[in-house]
Amino acid sequence: MTRYLKHARLLTGALALIVGLTLVAPPALAAEAAALADPRPITAAAAAKVEAMPAATLAQAAPAPKPATVASAETGNKPFFKTTQGAIALVLLAGTLGYMGYSMSNDRVKSPAK
């Protein structure tokens, strides 16, 4: 027991150093980031940029079309478990549950609580 005491003190010191640096470093970095940040809020900057644009550019801007979802484009609106990925997921789930049942019934540890 005493031969591990030296290692415990070393690990405790390293852990204290890591925790101390973790608690000290973020406030110091936050102070630097706050000094470099733009004092104007993002909404004010966006409004100023839109006001600076010519009216012709704003009139030509059309609303963006809705992007098709990746899943619906690939699967053709099939339910998940009818796709190849869904079938693979079901096979893996069945295999995992089967192995769990097998390992529970063939457990070598016999205890009264079981």
PDB file of N, CA and C in Angstrom:
ATOM      1  N   MET A   1       0.824  -1.194   0.000  1.00  0.00           N
ATOM      2  CA  MET A   1       0.000   0.000   0.000  1.00  0.00           C
ATOM      3  C   MET A   1       0.868   1.257   0.000  1.00  0.00           C
ATOM      4  N   THR A   2       1.955   1.262   0.752  1.00  0.00           N
ATOM      5  CA  THR A   2       2.783   2.456   0.848  1.00  0.00           C
ATOM      6  C   THR A   2       3.624   2.687  -0.399  1.00  0.00           C
ATOM      7  N   ARG A   3       3.901   1.633  -1.180  1.00  0.00           N
ATOM      8  CA  ARG A   3       4.709   1.837  -2.376  1.00  0.00           C
ATOM      9  C   ARG A   3       3.959   2.602  -3.448  1.00  0.00           C
ATOM     10  N   TYR A   4       2.646   2.626  -3.394  1.00  0.00           N
ATOM     11  CA  TYR A   4       1.857   3.373  -4.363  1.00  0.00           C
ATOM     12  C   TYR A   4       1.594   4.811  -3.920  1.00  0.00           C
ATOM     13  N   LEU A   5       1.981   5.142  -2.696  1.00  0.00           N
ATOM     14  CA  LEU A   5       1.723   6.473  -2.164  1.00  0.00           C
ATOM     15  C   LEU A   5       2.480   7.541  -2.943  1.00  0.00           C
ATOM     16  N   LYS A   6       3.702   7.243  -3.397  1.00  0.00           N
ATOM     17  CA  LYS A   6       4.485   8.206  -4.157  1.00  0.00           C
ATOM     18  C   LYS A   6       3.784   8.510  -5.497  1.00  0.00           C
ATOM     19  N   HIS A   7       3.251   7.492  -6.122  1.00  0.00           N
ATOM     20  CA  HIS A   7       2.547   7.681  -7.382  1.00  0.00           C
ATOM     21  C   HIS A   7       1.242   8.452  -7.173  1.00  0.00           C
ATOM     22  N   ALA A   8       0.599   8.225  -6.072  1.00  0.00           N
ATOM     23  CA  ALA A   8      -0.650   8.925  -5.787  1.00  0.00           C
ATOM     24  C   ALA A   8      -0.395  10.414  -5.593  1.00  0.00           C
ATOM     25  N   ARG A   9       0.701  10.754  -4.911  1.00  0.00           N
ATOM     26  CA  ARG A   9       1.022  12.170  -4.713  1.00  0.00           C
ATOM     27  C   ARG A   9       1.361  12.836  -6.041  1.00  0.00           C
ATOM     28  N   LEU A  10       2.092  12.141  -6.901  1.00  0.00           N
ATOM     29  CA  LEU A  10       2.448  12.670  -8.215  1.00  0.00           C
ATOM     30  C   LEU A  10       1.192  12.885  -9.073  1.00  0.00           C
ATOM     31  N   LEU A  11       0.311  11.910  -9.064  1.00  0.00           N
ATOM     32  CA  LEU A  11      -0.929  12.039  -9.833  1.00  0.00           C
ATOM     33  C   LEU A  11      -1.827  13.138  -9.278  1.00  0.00           C
ATOM     34  N   THR A  12      -1.851  13.281  -7.965  1.00  0.00           N
ATOM     35  CA  THR A  12      -2.651  14.335  -7.351  1.00  0.00           C
ATOM     36  C   THR A  12      -2.130  15.708  -7.745  1.00  0.00           C
ATOM     37  N   GLY A  13      -0.815  15.866  -7.751  1.00  0.00           N
ATOM     38  CA  GLY A  13      -0.226  17.142  -8.162  1.00  0.00           C
ATOM     39  C   GLY A  13      -0.515  17.453  -9.621  1.00  0.00           C
ATOM     40  N   ALA A  14      -0.399  16.447 -10.496  1.00  0.00           N
ATOM     41  CA  ALA A  14      -0.691  16.650 -11.917  1.00  0.00           C
ATOM     42  C   ALA A  14      -2.158  17.005 -12.121  1.00  0.00           C
ATOM     43  N   LEU A  15      -3.042  16.329 -11.402  1.00  0.00           N
ATOM     44  CA  LEU A  15      -4.470  16.619 -11.508  1.00  0.00           C
ATOM     45  C   LEU A  15      -4.781  18.032 -11.022  1.00  0.00           C
ATOM     46  N   ALA A  16      -4.161  18.459  -9.938  1.00  0.00           N
ATOM     47  CA  ALA A  16      -4.371  19.819  -9.429  1.00  0.00           C
ATOM     48  C   ALA A  16      -3.888  20.859 -10.434  1.00  0.00           C
ATOM     49  N   LEU A  17      -2.766  20.589 -11.092  1.00  0.00           N
ATOM     50  CA  LEU A  17      -2.242  21.497 -12.109  1.00  0.00           C
ATOM     51  C   LEU A  17      -3.192  21.594 -13.307  1.00  0.00           C
ATOM     52  N   ILE A  18      -3.691  20.468 -13.759  1.00  0.00           N
ATOM     53  CA  ILE A  18      -4.609  20.465 -14.903  1.00  0.00           C
ATOM     54  C   ILE A  18      -5.907  21.196 -14.577  1.00  0.00           C
ATOM     55  N   VAL A  19      -6.456  20.928 -13.407  1.00  0.00           N
ATOM     56  CA  VAL A  19      -7.705  21.598 -13.013  1.00  0.00           C
ATOM     57  C   VAL A  19      -7.473  23.096 -12.850  1.00  0.00           C
ATOM     58  N   GLY A  20      -6.353  23.469 -12.267  1.00  0.00           N
ATOM     59  CA  GLY A  20      -6.045  24.885 -12.097  1.00  0.00           C
ATOM     60  C   GLY A  20      -5.916  25.594 -13.431  1.00  0.00           C
ATOM     61  N   LEU A  21      -5.208  24.990 -14.388  1.00  0.00           N
ATOM     62  CA  LEU A  21      -5.077  25.600 -15.710  1.00  0.00           C
ATOM     63  C   LEU A  21      -6.417  25.650 -16.445  1.00  0.00           C
ATOM     64  N   THR A  22      -7.248  24.658 -16.234  1.00  0.00           N
ATOM     65  CA  THR A  22      -8.561  24.643 -16.875  1.00  0.00           C
ATOM     66  C   THR A  22      -9.433  25.779 -16.363  1.00  0.00           C
ATOM     67  N   LEU A  23      -9.337  26.075 -15.089  1.00  0.00           N
ATOM     68  CA  LEU A  23     -10.164  27.131 -14.521  1.00  0.00           C
ATOM     69  C   LEU A  23      -9.613  28.525 -14.782  1.00  0.00           C
ATOM     70  N   VAL A  24      -8.302  28.654 -15.000  1.00  0.00           N
ATOM     71  CA  VAL A  24      -7.679  29.959 -15.193  1.00  0.00           C
ATOM     72  C   VAL A  24      -7.658  30.364 -16.661  1.00  0.00           C
ATOM     73  N   ALA A  25      -7.426  29.432 -17.566  1.00  0.00           N
ATOM     74  CA  ALA A  25      -7.245  29.752 -18.986  1.00  0.00           C
ATOM     75  C   ALA A  25      -8.497  30.321 -19.655  1.00  0.00           C
ATOM     76  N   PRO A  26      -9.698  29.788 -19.452  1.00  0.00           N
ATOM     77  CA  PRO A  26     -10.858  30.351 -20.159  1.00  0.00           C
ATOM     78  C   PRO A  26     -11.136  31.818 -19.842  1.00  0.00           C
ATOM     79  N   PRO A  27     -11.064  32.288 -18.586  1.00  0.00           N
ATOM     80  CA  PRO A  27     -11.296  33.711 -18.366  1.00  0.00           C
ATOM     81  C   PRO A  27     -10.259  34.593 -19.060  1.00  0.00           C
ATOM     82  N   ALA A  28      -9.006  34.146 -19.115  1.00  0.00           N
ATOM     83  CA  ALA A  28      -7.972  34.935 -19.774  1.00  0.00           C
ATOM     84  C   ALA A  28      -8.231  35.004 -21.269  1.00  0.00           C
ATOM     85  N   LEU A  29      -8.624  33.901 -21.875  1.00  0.00           N
ATOM     86  CA  LEU A  29      -8.927  33.889 -23.301  1.00  0.00           C
ATOM     87  C   LEU A  29     -10.199  34.674 -23.601  1.00  0.00           C
ATOM     88  N   ALA A  30     -11.153  34.650 -22.704  1.00  0.00           N
ATOM     89  CA  ALA A  30     -12.394  35.388 -22.916  1.00  0.00           C
ATOM     90  C   ALA A  30     -12.139  36.887 -22.890  1.00  0.00           C
ATOM     91  N   ALA A  31     -11.217  37.337 -22.066  1.00  0.00           N
ATOM     92  CA  ALA A  31     -10.905  38.757 -22.010  1.00  0.00           C
ATOM     93  C   ALA A  31     -10.265  39.221 -23.318  1.00  0.00           C
ATOM     94  N   GLU A  32      -9.394  38.396 -23.904  1.00  0.00           N
ATOM     95  CA  GLU A  32      -8.785  38.739 -25.183  1.00  0.00           C
ATOM     96  C   GLU A  32      -9.822  38.749 -26.302  1.00  0.00           C
ATOM     97  N   ALA A  33     -10.718  37.789 -26.298  1.00  0.00           N
ATOM     98  CA  ALA A  33     -11.742  37.713 -27.334  1.00  0.00           C
ATOM     99  C   ALA A  33     -12.703  38.888 -27.232  1.00  0.00           C
ATOM    100  N   ALA A  34     -13.018  39.321 -26.034  1.00  0.00           N
ATOM    101  CA  ALA A  34     -13.921  40.456 -25.863  1.00  0.00           C
ATOM    102  C   ALA A  34     -13.276  41.741 -26.362  1.00  0.00           C
ATOM    103  N   ALA A  35     -11.972  41.858 -26.218  1.00  0.00           N
ATOM    104  CA  ALA A  35     -11.291  43.056 -26.683  1.00  0.00           C
ATOM    105  C   ALA A  35     -11.242  43.113 -28.202  1.00  0.00           C
ATOM    106  N   LEU A  36     -11.173  41.958 -28.850  1.00  0.00           N
ATOM    107  CA  LEU A  36     -11.108  41.908 -30.305  1.00  0.00           C
ATOM    108  C   LEU A  36     -12.474  41.931 -30.974  1.00  0.00           C
ATOM    109  N   ALA A  37     -13.545  41.734 -30.232  1.00  0.00           N
ATOM    110  CA  ALA A  37     -14.886  41.631 -30.805  1.00  0.00           C
ATOM    111  C   ALA A  37     -15.365  42.982 -31.333  1.00  0.00           C
ATOM    112  N   ASP A  38     -16.216  42.923 -32.354  1.00  0.00           N
ATOM    113  CA  ASP A  38     -16.805  44.135 -32.928  1.00  0.00           C
ATOM    114  C   ASP A  38     -17.801  44.707 -31.922  1.00  0.00           C
ATOM    115  N   PRO A  39     -17.740  45.982 -31.618  1.00  0.00           N
ATOM    116  CA  PRO A  39     -18.651  46.525 -30.618  1.00  0.00           C
ATOM    117  C   PRO A  39     -20.102  46.584 -31.112  1.00  0.00           C
ATOM    118  N   ARG A  40     -20.311  46.614 -32.443  1.00  0.00           N
ATOM    119  CA  ARG A  40     -21.685  46.660 -32.940  1.00  0.00           C
ATOM    120  C   ARG A  40     -22.305  45.271 -32.897  1.00  0.00           C
ATOM    121  N   PRO A  41     -23.579  45.192 -32.594  1.00  0.00           N
ATOM    122  CA  PRO A  41     -24.224  43.881 -32.635  1.00  0.00           C
ATOM    123  C   PRO A  41     -24.384  43.421 -34.084  1.00  0.00           C
ATOM    124  N   ILE A  42     -24.573  42.164 -34.263  1.00  0.00           N
ATOM    125  CA  ILE A  42     -24.677  41.573 -35.596  1.00  0.00           C
ATOM    126  C   ILE A  42     -25.886  42.121 -36.339  1.00  0.00           C
ATOM    127  N   THR A  43     -26.985  42.340 -35.661  1.00  0.00           N
ATOM    128  CA  THR A  43     -28.184  42.834 -36.341  1.00  0.00           C
ATOM    129  C   THR A  43     -27.961  44.234 -36.906  1.00  0.00           C
ATOM    130  N   ALA A  44     -27.247  45.069 -36.160  1.00  0.00           N
ATOM    131  CA  ALA A  44     -26.983  46.417 -36.656  1.00  0.00           C
ATOM    132  C   ALA A  44     -26.061  46.374 -37.862  1.00  0.00           C
ATOM    133  N   ALA A  45     -25.067  45.481 -37.837  1.00  0.00           N
ATOM    134  CA  ALA A  45     -24.158  45.357 -38.969  1.00  0.00           C
ATOM    135  C   ALA A  45     -24.896  44.843 -40.200  1.00  0.00           C
ATOM    136  N   ALA A  46     -25.808  43.892 -40.020  1.00  0.00           N
ATOM    137  CA  ALA A  46     -26.569  43.356 -41.147  1.00  0.00           C
ATOM    138  C   ALA A  46     -27.504  44.411 -41.728  1.00  0.00           C
ATOM    139  N   ALA A  47     -28.153  45.169 -40.862  1.00  0.00           N
ATOM    140  CA  ALA A  47     -29.054  46.226 -41.333  1.00  0.00           C
ATOM    141  C   ALA A  47     -28.281  47.287 -42.105  1.00  0.00           C
ATOM    142  N   ALA A  48     -27.106  47.657 -41.647  1.00  0.00           N
ATOM    143  CA  ALA A  48     -26.291  48.644 -42.356  1.00  0.00           C
ATOM    144  C   ALA A  48     -25.857  48.121 -43.718  1.00  0.00           C
ATOM    145  N   LYS A  49     -25.551  46.845 -43.815  1.00  0.00           N
ATOM    146  CA  LYS A  49     -25.142  46.260 -45.089  1.00  0.00           C
ATOM    147  C   LYS A  49     -26.308  46.228 -46.077  1.00  0.00           C
ATOM    148  N   VAL A  50     -27.503  45.901 -45.618  1.00  0.00           N
ATOM    149  CA  VAL A  50     -28.675  45.873 -46.497  1.00  0.00           C
ATOM    150  C   VAL A  50     -29.022  47.281 -46.968  1.00  0.00           C
ATOM    151  N   GLU A  51     -28.911  48.263 -46.085  1.00  0.00           N
ATOM    152  CA  GLU A  51     -29.202  49.638 -46.478  1.00  0.00           C
ATOM    153  C   GLU A  51     -28.195  50.155 -47.494  1.00  0.00           C
ATOM    154  N   ALA A  52     -26.968  49.664 -47.448  1.00  0.00           N
ATOM    155  CA  ALA A  52     -25.936  50.124 -48.380  1.00  0.00           C
ATOM    156  C   ALA A  52     -26.092  49.504 -49.760  1.00  0.00           C
ATOM    157  N   MET A  53     -26.836  48.401 -49.869  1.00  0.00           N
ATOM    158  CA  MET A  53     -27.014  47.746 -51.164  1.00  0.00           C
ATOM    159  C   MET A  53     -27.935  48.572 -52.048  1.00  0.00           C
ATOM    160  N   PRO A  54     -27.707  48.573 -53.371  1.00  0.00           N
ATOM    161  CA  PRO A  54     -28.603  49.294 -54.265  1.00  0.00           C
ATOM    162  C   PRO A  54     -29.965  48.590 -54.347  1.00  0.00           C
ATOM    163  N   ALA A  55     -31.003  49.367 -54.662  1.00  0.00           N
ATOM    164  CA  ALA A  55     -32.364  48.837 -54.708  1.00  0.00           C
ATOM    165  C   ALA A  55     -32.523  47.798 -55.810  1.00  0.00           C
ATOM    166  N   ALA A  56     -31.801  47.933 -56.921  1.00  0.00           N
ATOM    167  CA  ALA A  56     -31.916  46.972 -58.017  1.00  0.00           C
ATOM    168  C   ALA A  56     -31.438  45.585 -57.580  1.00  0.00           C
ATOM    169  N   THR A  57     -30.416  45.543 -56.784  1.00  0.00           N
ATOM    170  CA  THR A  57     -29.909  44.259 -56.298  1.00  0.00           C
ATOM    171  C   THR A  57     -30.919  43.600 -55.372  1.00  0.00           C
ATOM    172  N   LEU A  58     -31.549  44.394 -54.538  1.00  0.00           N
ATOM    173  CA  LEU A  58     -32.548  43.840 -53.627  1.00  0.00           C
ATOM    174  C   LEU A  58     -33.779  43.361 -54.376  1.00  0.00           C
ATOM    175  N   ALA A  59     -34.162  44.055 -55.459  1.00  0.00           N
ATOM    176  CA  ALA A  59     -35.343  43.665 -56.220  1.00  0.00           C
ATOM    177  C   ALA A  59     -35.100  42.358 -56.967  1.00  0.00           C
ATOM    178  N   GLN A  60     -33.857  42.095 -57.388  1.00  0.00           N
ATOM    179  CA  GLN A  60     -33.558  40.887 -58.141  1.00  0.00           C
ATOM    180  C   GLN A  60     -33.450  39.656 -57.236  1.00  0.00           C
ATOM    181  N   ALA A  61     -33.219  39.869 -55.976  1.00  0.00           N
ATOM    182  CA  ALA A  61     -33.051  38.736 -55.068  1.00  0.00           C
ATOM    183  C   ALA A  61     -34.368  37.991 -54.928  1.00  0.00           C
ATOM    184  N   ALA A  62     -34.347  36.732 -55.248  1.00  0.00           N
ATOM    185  CA  ALA A  62     -35.535  35.888 -55.135  1.00  0.00           C
ATOM    186  C   ALA A  62     -35.379  35.005 -53.902  1.00  0.00           C
ATOM    187  N   PRO A  63     -36.488  34.587 -53.333  1.00  0.00           N
ATOM    188  CA  PRO A  63     -36.380  33.696 -52.179  1.00  0.00           C
ATOM    189  C   PRO A  63     -35.721  32.376 -52.592  1.00  0.00           C
ATOM    190  N   ALA A  64     -34.901  31.858 -51.740  1.00  0.00           N
ATOM    191  CA  ALA A  64     -34.178  30.628 -52.034  1.00  0.00           C
ATOM    192  C   ALA A  64     -35.144  29.452 -52.043  1.00  0.00           C
ATOM    193  N   PRO A  65     -34.985  28.522 -52.986  1.00  0.00           N
ATOM    194  CA  PRO A  65     -35.857  27.346 -53.000  1.00  0.00           C
ATOM    195  C   PRO A  65     -35.551  26.448 -51.811  1.00  0.00           C
ATOM    196  N   LYS A  66     -36.540  25.713 -51.384  1.00  0.00           N
ATOM    197  CA  LYS A  66     -36.353  24.808 -50.256  1.00  0.00           C
ATOM    198  C   LYS A  66     -35.429  23.677 -50.687  1.00  0.00           C
ATOM    199  N   PRO A  67     -34.383  23.427 -49.924  1.00  0.00           N
ATOM    200  CA  PRO A  67     -33.498  22.324 -50.288  1.00  0.00           C
ATOM    201  C   PRO A  67     -34.170  20.988 -49.994  1.00  0.00           C
ATOM    202  N   ALA A  68     -34.011  20.053 -50.907  1.00  0.00           N
ATOM    203  CA  ALA A  68     -34.561  18.722 -50.689  1.00  0.00           C
ATOM    204  C   ALA A  68     -33.714  18.029 -49.625  1.00  0.00           C
ATOM    205  N   THR A  69     -34.364  17.328 -48.746  1.00  0.00           N
ATOM    206  CA  THR A  69     -33.616  16.643 -47.695  1.00  0.00           C
ATOM    207  C   THR A  69     -32.845  15.489 -48.311  1.00  0.00           C
ATOM    208  N   VAL A  70     -31.723  15.206 -47.750  1.00  0.00           N
ATOM    209  CA  VAL A  70     -30.856  14.164 -48.290  1.00  0.00           C
ATOM    210  C   VAL A  70     -31.540  12.810 -48.189  1.00  0.00           C
ATOM    211  N   ALA A  71     -32.205  12.557 -47.064  1.00  0.00           N
ATOM    212  CA  ALA A  71     -32.814  11.250 -46.863  1.00  0.00           C
ATOM    213  C   ALA A  71     -33.947  11.018 -47.865  1.00  0.00           C
ATOM    214  N   SER A  72     -34.753  12.027 -48.115  1.00  0.00           N
ATOM    215  CA  SER A  72     -35.880  11.822 -49.024  1.00  0.00           C
ATOM    216  C   SER A  72     -35.408  11.703 -50.457  1.00  0.00           C
ATOM    217  N   ALA A  73     -34.302  12.353 -50.823  1.00  0.00           N
ATOM    218  CA  ALA A  73     -33.796  12.254 -52.183  1.00  0.00           C
ATOM    219  C   ALA A  73     -33.205  10.875 -52.441  1.00  0.00           C
ATOM    220  N   GLU A  74     -32.546  10.293 -51.453  1.00  0.00           N
ATOM    221  CA  GLU A  74     -31.914   9.003 -51.644  1.00  0.00           C
ATOM    222  C   GLU A  74     -32.908   7.856 -51.527  1.00  0.00           C
ATOM    223  N   THR A  75     -33.851   7.945 -50.622  1.00  0.00           N
ATOM    224  CA  THR A  75     -34.733   6.815 -50.345  1.00  0.00           C
ATOM    225  C   THR A  75     -36.047   6.896 -51.089  1.00  0.00           C
ATOM    226  N   GLY A  76     -36.356   7.998 -51.680  1.00  0.00           N
ATOM    227  CA  GLY A  76     -37.634   8.115 -52.380  1.00  0.00           C
ATOM    228  C   GLY A  76     -38.810   8.084 -51.426  1.00  0.00           C
ATOM    229  N   ASN A  77     -38.668   8.670 -50.254  1.00  0.00           N
ATOM    230  CA  ASN A  77     -39.719   8.759 -49.231  1.00  0.00           C
ATOM    231  C   ASN A  77     -40.145   7.392 -48.706  1.00  0.00           C
ATOM    232  N   LYS A  78     -39.218   6.447 -48.629  1.00  0.00           N
ATOM    233  CA  LYS A  78     -39.494   5.147 -48.025  1.00  0.00           C
ATOM    234  C   LYS A  78     -39.340   5.263 -46.516  1.00  0.00           C
ATOM    235  N   PRO A  79     -40.027   4.443 -45.759  1.00  0.00           N
ATOM    236  CA  PRO A  79     -39.752   4.379 -44.319  1.00  0.00           C
ATOM    237  C   PRO A  79     -38.332   3.878 -44.083  1.00  0.00           C
ATOM    238  N   PHE A  80     -37.755   4.258 -42.972  1.00  0.00           N
ATOM    239  CA  PHE A  80     -36.340   3.957 -42.718  1.00  0.00           C
ATOM    240  C   PHE A  80     -36.057   2.464 -42.725  1.00  0.00           C
ATOM    241  N   PHE A  81     -36.922   1.657 -42.099  1.00  0.00           N
ATOM    242  CA  PHE A  81     -36.628   0.239 -41.963  1.00  0.00           C
ATOM    243  C   PHE A  81     -36.844  -0.535 -43.259  1.00  0.00           C
ATOM    244  N   LYS A  82     -37.347   0.117 -44.307  1.00  0.00           N
ATOM    245  CA  LYS A  82     -37.475  -0.536 -45.608  1.00  0.00           C
ATOM    246  C   LYS A  82     -36.305  -0.189 -46.529  1.00  0.00           C
ATOM    247  N   THR A  83     -35.376   0.619 -46.052  1.00  0.00           N
ATOM    248  CA  THR A  83     -34.182   0.937 -46.824  1.00  0.00           C
ATOM    249  C   THR A  83     -33.092  -0.072 -46.478  1.00  0.00           C
ATOM    250  N   THR A  84     -32.012  -0.043 -47.234  1.00  0.00           N
ATOM    251  CA  THR A  84     -30.889  -0.948 -46.975  1.00  0.00           C
ATOM    252  C   THR A  84     -30.261  -0.665 -45.613  1.00  0.00           C
ATOM    253  N   GLN A  85     -30.104   0.613 -45.298  1.00  0.00           N
ATOM    254  CA  GLN A  85     -29.515   0.966 -44.002  1.00  0.00           C
ATOM    255  C   GLN A  85     -30.414   0.523 -42.854  1.00  0.00           C
ATOM    256  N   GLY A  86     -31.709   0.637 -43.026  1.00  0.00           N
ATOM    257  CA  GLY A  86     -32.637   0.199 -41.989  1.00  0.00           C
ATOM    258  C   GLY A  86     -32.616  -1.305 -41.798  1.00  0.00           C
ATOM    259  N   ALA A  87     -32.515  -2.053 -42.913  1.00  0.00           N
ATOM    260  CA  ALA A  87     -32.439  -3.511 -42.813  1.00  0.00           C
ATOM    261  C   ALA A  87     -31.159  -3.930 -42.099  1.00  0.00           C
ATOM    262  N   ILE A  88     -30.051  -3.257 -42.403  1.00  0.00           N
ATOM    263  CA  ILE A  88     -28.791  -3.564 -41.721  1.00  0.00           C
ATOM    264  C   ILE A  88     -28.910  -3.261 -40.231  1.00  0.00           C
ATOM    265  N   ALA A  89     -29.555  -2.158 -39.899  1.00  0.00           N
ATOM    266  CA  ALA A  89     -29.740  -1.803 -38.488  1.00  0.00           C
ATOM    267  C   ALA A  89     -30.579  -2.854 -37.769  1.00  0.00           C
ATOM    268  N   LEU A  90     -31.627  -3.365 -38.423  1.00  0.00           N
ATOM    269  CA  LEU A  90     -32.459  -4.394 -37.797  1.00  0.00           C
ATOM    270  C   LEU A  90     -31.688  -5.695 -37.612  1.00  0.00           C
ATOM    271  N   VAL A  91     -30.873  -6.083 -38.594  1.00  0.00           N
ATOM    272  CA  VAL A  91     -30.085  -7.314 -38.471  1.00  0.00           C
ATOM    273  C   VAL A  91     -29.087  -7.191 -37.325  1.00  0.00           C
ATOM    274  N   LEU A  92     -28.409  -6.033 -37.224  1.00  0.00           N
ATOM    275  CA  LEU A  92     -27.466  -5.833 -36.123  1.00  0.00           C
ATOM    276  C   LEU A  92     -28.170  -5.832 -34.772  1.00  0.00           C
ATOM    277  N   LEU A  93     -29.342  -5.228 -34.714  1.00  0.00           N
ATOM    278  CA  LEU A  93     -30.100  -5.207 -33.463  1.00  0.00           C
ATOM    279  C   LEU A  93     -30.524  -6.613 -33.071  1.00  0.00           C
ATOM    280  N   ALA A  94     -31.019  -7.403 -34.032  1.00  0.00           N
ATOM    281  CA  ALA A  94     -31.433  -8.772 -33.734  1.00  0.00           C
ATOM    282  C   ALA A  94     -30.246  -9.615 -33.287  1.00  0.00           C
ATOM    283  N   GLY A  95     -29.104  -9.453 -33.957  1.00  0.00           N
ATOM    284  CA  GLY A  95     -27.914 -10.205 -33.565  1.00  0.00           C
ATOM    285  C   GLY A  95     -27.443  -9.840 -32.171  1.00  0.00           C
ATOM    286  N   THR A  96     -27.470  -8.566 -31.861  1.00  0.00           N
ATOM    287  CA  THR A  96     -27.043  -8.111 -30.534  1.00  0.00           C
ATOM    288  C   THR A  96     -27.972  -8.632 -29.448  1.00  0.00           C
ATOM    289  N   LEU A  97     -29.272  -8.567 -29.687  1.00  0.00           N
ATOM    290  CA  LEU A  97     -30.221  -9.064 -28.691  1.00  0.00           C
ATOM    291  C   LEU A  97     -30.122 -10.579 -28.539  1.00  0.00           C
ATOM    292  N   GLY A  98     -29.900 -11.286 -29.653  1.00  0.00           N
ATOM    293  CA  GLY A  98     -29.730 -12.731 -29.576  1.00  0.00           C
ATOM    294  C   GLY A  98     -28.501 -13.111 -28.775  1.00  0.00           C
ATOM    295  N   TYR A  99     -27.383 -12.416 -29.010  1.00  0.00           N
ATOM    296  CA  TYR A  99     -26.164 -12.703 -28.260  1.00  0.00           C
ATOM    297  C   TYR A  99     -26.346 -12.352 -26.782  1.00  0.00           C
ATOM    298  N   MET A 100     -27.079 -11.296 -26.502  1.00  0.00           N
ATOM    299  CA  MET A 100     -27.320 -10.929 -25.108  1.00  0.00           C
ATOM    300  C   MET A 100     -28.117 -12.021 -24.405  1.00  0.00           C
ATOM    301  N   GLY A 101     -29.165 -12.530 -25.066  1.00  0.00           N
ATOM    302  CA  GLY A 101     -29.945 -13.607 -24.470  1.00  0.00           C
ATOM    303  C   GLY A 101     -29.130 -14.869 -24.278  1.00  0.00           C
ATOM    304  N   TYR A 102     -28.298 -15.196 -25.265  1.00  0.00           N
ATOM    305  CA  TYR A 102     -27.440 -16.380 -25.152  1.00  0.00           C
ATOM    306  C   TYR A 102     -26.453 -16.236 -23.999  1.00  0.00           C
ATOM    307  N   SER A 103     -25.805 -15.077 -23.905  1.00  0.00           N
ATOM    308  CA  SER A 103     -24.802 -14.901 -22.861  1.00  0.00           C
ATOM    309  C   SER A 103     -25.440 -14.846 -21.479  1.00  0.00           C
ATOM    310  N   MET A 104     -26.657 -14.353 -21.387  1.00  0.00           N
ATOM    311  CA  MET A 104     -27.324 -14.339 -20.076  1.00  0.00           C
ATOM    312  C   MET A 104     -27.695 -15.747 -19.635  1.00  0.00           C
ATOM    313  N   SER A 105     -28.121 -16.596 -20.577  1.00  0.00           N
ATOM    314  CA  SER A 105     -28.520 -17.948 -20.190  1.00  0.00           C
ATOM    315  C   SER A 105     -27.318 -18.850 -19.938  1.00  0.00           C
ATOM    316  N   ASN A 106     -26.174 -18.554 -20.520  1.00  0.00           N
ATOM    317  CA  ASN A 106     -24.973 -19.371 -20.341  1.00  0.00           C
ATOM    318  C   ASN A 106     -23.936 -18.687 -19.459  1.00  0.00           C
ATOM    319  N   ASP A 107     -24.376 -17.860 -18.548  1.00  0.00           N
ATOM    320  CA  ASP A 107     -23.468 -17.167 -17.650  1.00  0.00           C
ATOM    321  C   ASP A 107     -22.859 -18.152 -16.660  1.00  0.00           C
ATOM    322  N   ARG A 108     -21.558 -18.066 -16.446  1.00  0.00           N
ATOM    323  CA  ARG A 108     -20.884 -18.976 -15.531  1.00  0.00           C
ATOM    324  C   ARG A 108     -21.050 -18.582 -14.062  1.00  0.00           C
ATOM    325  N   VAL A 109     -21.409 -17.327 -13.836  1.00  0.00           N
ATOM    326  CA  VAL A 109     -21.583 -16.866 -12.464  1.00  0.00           C
ATOM    327  C   VAL A 109     -22.974 -17.245 -12.002  1.00  0.00           C
ATOM    328  N   LYS A 110     -23.043 -18.022 -10.949  1.00  0.00           N
ATOM    329  CA  LYS A 110     -24.328 -18.447 -10.405  1.00  0.00           C
ATOM    330  C   LYS A 110     -24.473 -17.820  -9.022  1.00  0.00           C
ATOM    331  N   SER A 111     -25.422 -16.953  -8.894  1.00  0.00           N
ATOM    332  CA  SER A 111     -25.627 -16.303  -7.610  1.00  0.00           C
ATOM    333  C   SER A 111     -27.100 -16.399  -7.232  1.00  0.00           C
ATOM    334  N   PRO A 112     -27.404 -16.315  -5.947  1.00  0.00           N
ATOM    335  CA  PRO A 112     -28.800 -16.410  -5.518  1.00  0.00           C
ATOM    336  C   PRO A 112     -29.633 -15.222  -5.986  1.00  0.00           C
ATOM    337  N   ALA A 113     -28.972 -14.097  -6.256  1.00  0.00           N
ATOM    338  CA  ALA A 113     -29.727 -12.926  -6.671  1.00  0.00           C
ATOM    339  C   ALA A 113     -30.179 -13.036  -8.119  1.00  0.00           C
ATOM    340  N   LYS A 114     -29.582 -13.930  -8.881  1.00  0.00           N
ATOM    341  CA  LYS A 114     -29.903 -14.051 -10.299  1.00  0.00           C
ATOM    342  C   LYS A 114     -31.094 -14.870 -10.520  1.00  0.00           C
TER     343      LYS A 114
END
